[in-house]
Every structure is written in C-alpha cells, then in structure tokens.
Amino acid sequence: DRSIREILRSKRLIGITTDLLTHSPEPLSINALAEKYFISRSSIVVDLKKIEAWVTSFSLKMIKNHTGTYIEGSDFNIRMALKDIITYSVLNNYQMTDSRIDRFSRVQLIKEFGKTNVANCMNLISIIEEELHCSISEPYYTNLFSHLLVTIRRSDSKHFSNDTCDDFIRA
C-alpha cells in the first residue's frame, strides 16, 4: 500500500509516528502536533490516516477521542514499530561505514535519541562483542542497536511494561 510505504519516506510522518509510539498510551492532541510540525490541523488528520494504516501492520490500533490520539497495543508491538522506523528511516537508507553507523546516521540518531543514549548503545554492543569474542554483523547489529534505543526511549518515557525484558529477549 502506497500510504504505508510513504511513512518511512517522510520526515514529518516519521516524527509524528515516533511521537505517538513513544508517548503511547498517553494521548497527543491534534493541535499540539500541528504546532510542533508547523502544519494545519487538517494536514495532521490526513497524516494520522496514513499512520493508522501503517501501525495496523504491527497489530497496533490508533485511538482518537476527546483527550487526543494515541496508539494502543502491546509494548512489544510498539517497540517493533519503532525499531522498523529506526532501521528503515535512519540506518538502512544510508551507506554503512566500517563503524557500522556512518557519521550522517549517527548525527540523525543523536538528534532523535540523544548523544548519551547512542553512545551507551554502541558501548554496550562493544562490550557484548568483547565478551563473545566476535563481531556482530549486519543485520543483527542494526537490529540489536535499534531494540536498545527503543527500549531506552520507552523506559525514559516511563511506558515500560513488566514484560518488556521478556519481549526484548524474544525479539
């Protein structure tokens, strides 16, 4: 479906989707989203329809009511959707260098997740590789890196369920 593919090609759609997934289950108002992205309320409504179609592919549901709009679903499915955004919009769209995350991608990740979180994920993966006496290759590195960033984001936002560790291990 065209609208589903469009999500990963638009910085604004990625931003709105990331906001909704990160803040889930707290609702975000259309006015707040319109102000943040400098577009009209009607444009936000059109974007939300595209996002709604995309999140259903992760067994998630978009809820719209008088308190705002939010994504409903398991923490695991929310993290899988966020991982998909990271993997396809930031990491896989740019040529990887020997460091596995090129300078441009690193700048984008730092902008979205913070310098400390990105550095901590890279350091953690280095420690894991040292303990295993091997190098984690693509796509496993990207997958692990994405899951770590999403887990940090969700835990920082206090939207971390008790089952998150079990879900993380399964992913």
Protein backbone atom coordinates (compact mmCIF):
# COMPACT_ATOMS: atom_id res chain seq x y z
CA ASP A 1 0.00 0.00 0.00
CA ARG A 2 1.31 3.42 -1.03
CA SER A 3 0.45 5.16 2.25
CA ILE A 4 2.29 2.52 4.27
CA ARG A 5 5.48 2.96 2.21
CA GLU A 6 5.09 6.75 2.44
CA ILE A 7 5.54 6.68 6.24
CA LEU A 8 9.20 5.73 6.00
CA ARG A 9 9.92 8.32 3.30
CA SER A 10 8.59 11.41 5.07
CA LYS A 11 10.46 13.05 7.94
CA ARG A 12 7.22 14.56 9.25
CA LEU A 13 5.35 11.25 9.17
CA ILE A 14 8.27 9.54 10.87
CA GLY A 15 8.29 12.28 13.51
CA ILE A 16 4.56 12.11 14.20
CA THR A 17 4.59 8.31 14.25
CA THR A 18 7.57 8.26 16.59
CA ASP A 19 5.87 10.77 18.89
CA LEU A 20 2.68 8.69 19.02
CA LEU A 21 4.53 5.41 19.61
CA THR A 22 6.89 6.89 22.19
CA HIS A 23 4.16 8.56 24.21
CA SER A 24 1.72 5.64 23.99
CA PRO A 25 -0.66 5.24 25.74
CA GLU A 26 -0.71 8.98 26.57
CA PRO A 27 -2.80 10.88 24.02
CA LEU A 28 -1.39 13.70 21.90
CA SER A 29 -3.66 16.46 20.69
CA ILE A 30 -4.01 17.33 17.02
CA ASN A 31 -3.34 20.98 17.95
CA ALA A 32 -0.06 20.08 19.67
CA LEU A 33 1.07 18.01 16.68
CA ALA A 34 0.06 20.76 14.24
CA GLU A 35 2.06 23.33 16.23
CA LYS A 36 5.09 21.08 16.56
CA TYR A 37 5.26 20.27 12.84
CA PHE A 38 4.10 23.70 11.61
CA ILE A 39 1.19 22.37 9.57
CA SER A 40 -2.58 22.69 9.68
CA ARG A 41 -4.88 20.52 11.74
CA SER A 42 -6.36 19.11 8.52
CA SER A 43 -2.87 18.04 7.37
CA ILE A 44 -2.36 16.28 10.70
CA VAL A 45 -5.66 14.44 10.21
CA VAL A 46 -4.52 13.27 6.74
CA ASP A 47 -1.17 12.18 8.21
CA LEU A 48 -2.91 10.30 11.04
CA LYS A 49 -4.91 8.27 8.49
CA LYS A 50 -1.65 7.17 6.83
CA ILE A 51 -0.08 6.39 10.19
CA GLU A 52 -3.16 4.45 11.27
CA ALA A 53 -2.85 2.18 8.22
CA TRP A 54 0.84 1.63 8.94
CA VAL A 55 0.52 0.81 12.66
CA THR A 56 -2.12 -1.84 11.98
CA SER A 57 0.61 -3.91 10.31
CA PHE A 58 2.13 -4.21 13.81
CA SER A 59 -1.16 -5.24 15.44
CA LEU A 60 -1.49 -1.76 16.91
CA LYS A 61 -4.59 0.40 16.94
CA MET A 62 -4.87 4.16 16.74
CA ILE A 63 -7.39 5.56 19.20
CA LYS A 64 -8.88 9.02 18.62
CA ASN A 65 -11.12 10.55 21.25
CA HIS A 66 -11.77 13.80 23.13
CA THR A 67 -8.48 13.52 25.04
CA GLY A 68 -6.38 13.19 21.85
CA THR A 69 -4.86 10.49 19.68
CA TYR A 70 -2.75 7.59 20.86
CA ILE A 71 -1.54 4.16 19.86
CA GLU A 72 -2.92 1.14 21.68
CA GLY A 73 -1.16 -2.20 21.75
CA SER A 74 1.46 -4.29 23.46
CA ASP A 75 4.80 -2.78 24.40
CA PHE A 76 6.45 -5.43 22.23
CA ASN A 77 4.49 -4.37 19.12
CA ILE A 78 5.14 -0.69 19.86
CA ARG A 79 8.86 -1.39 20.10
CA MET A 80 8.77 -3.42 16.87
CA ALA A 81 7.15 -0.48 15.05
CA LEU A 82 9.74 1.94 16.47
CA LYS A 83 12.51 -0.46 15.52
CA ASP A 84 11.15 -0.56 11.98
CA ILE A 85 11.25 3.23 11.80
CA ILE A 86 14.84 3.35 13.05
CA THR A 87 16.00 0.54 10.82
CA TYR A 88 14.50 1.81 7.59
CA SER A 89 14.48 5.56 8.03
CA VAL A 90 17.87 6.09 9.63
CA LEU A 91 20.17 3.09 9.40
CA ASN A 92 19.33 1.25 6.17
CA ASN A 93 18.85 4.29 3.94
CA TYR A 94 22.48 5.32 4.20
CA GLN A 95 25.70 3.56 3.28
CA MET A 96 27.29 1.99 6.33
CA THR A 97 30.98 2.55 7.00
CA ASP A 98 33.38 0.32 8.88
CA SER A 99 31.93 1.64 12.14
CA ARG A 100 28.57 0.20 11.03
CA ILE A 101 26.85 3.51 11.66
CA ASP A 102 28.08 6.28 9.38
CA ARG A 103 28.53 9.87 10.50
CA PHE A 104 25.24 11.10 8.99
CA SER A 105 23.21 8.30 10.56
CA ARG A 106 24.92 8.88 13.90
CA VAL A 107 24.02 12.60 13.75
CA GLN A 108 20.39 11.70 12.99
CA LEU A 109 20.27 9.15 15.81
CA ILE A 110 21.81 11.61 18.29
CA LYS A 111 19.25 14.23 17.27
CA GLU A 112 16.38 11.80 17.87
CA PHE A 113 17.64 9.80 20.87
CA GLY A 114 20.40 11.88 22.47
CA LYS A 115 24.17 11.60 22.39
CA THR A 116 24.40 9.68 25.66
CA ASN A 117 21.84 7.05 24.61
CA VAL A 118 23.52 6.44 21.24
CA ALA A 119 26.98 6.24 22.85
CA ASN A 120 25.69 3.88 25.56
CA CYS A 121 24.16 1.55 22.97
CA MET A 122 27.36 1.48 20.94
CA ASN A 123 29.43 0.85 24.08
CA LEU A 124 27.08 -1.90 25.24
CA ILE A 125 27.31 -3.68 21.90
CA SER A 126 31.12 -3.37 22.04
CA ILE A 127 31.12 -4.98 25.49
CA ILE A 128 28.87 -7.78 24.21
CA GLU A 129 31.20 -8.37 21.25
CA GLU A 130 34.24 -8.46 23.54
CA GLU A 131 32.55 -10.98 25.84
CA LEU A 132 31.53 -13.15 22.87
CA HIS A 133 34.95 -12.74 21.19
CA CYS A 134 33.25 -11.96 17.89
CA SER A 135 31.83 -9.14 15.83
CA ILE A 136 28.07 -8.80 15.45
CA SER A 137 27.39 -8.45 11.74
CA GLU A 138 24.60 -6.76 9.82
CA PRO A 139 21.62 -7.03 10.05
CA TYR A 140 21.96 -8.27 13.63
CA TYR A 141 23.92 -5.20 14.72
CA THR A 142 21.24 -2.86 13.38
CA ASN A 143 18.50 -4.96 14.95
CA LEU A 144 20.19 -5.03 18.37
CA PHE A 145 21.09 -1.34 18.20
CA SER A 146 17.50 -0.42 17.28
CA HIS A 147 16.00 -2.50 20.08
CA LEU A 148 18.35 -0.97 22.63
CA LEU A 149 17.50 2.59 21.56
CA VAL A 150 13.77 1.88 21.59
CA THR A 151 13.97 0.22 24.99
CA ILE A 152 15.83 3.23 26.40
CA ARG A 153 13.30 5.63 24.86
CA ARG A 154 10.34 3.70 26.22
CA SER A 155 11.90 3.36 29.68
CA ASP A 156 12.80 7.07 29.77
CA SER A 157 9.19 7.85 28.89
CA LYS A 158 8.00 5.55 31.70
CA HIS A 159 5.97 3.46 29.24
CA PHE A 160 7.77 0.29 30.10
CA SER A 161 5.70 -2.76 30.92
CA ASN A 162 6.78 -5.56 33.25
CA ASP A 163 7.00 -7.89 30.29
CA THR A 164 9.42 -5.70 28.35
CA CYS A 165 12.55 -7.67 29.25
CA ASP A 166 10.93 -10.93 28.19
CA ASP A 167 9.71 -9.29 24.97
CA PHE A 168 13.16 -7.83 24.29
CA ILE A 169 14.76 -11.25 24.60
CA ARG A 170 12.16 -12.76 22.21
CA ALA A 171 12.82 -10.06 19.59
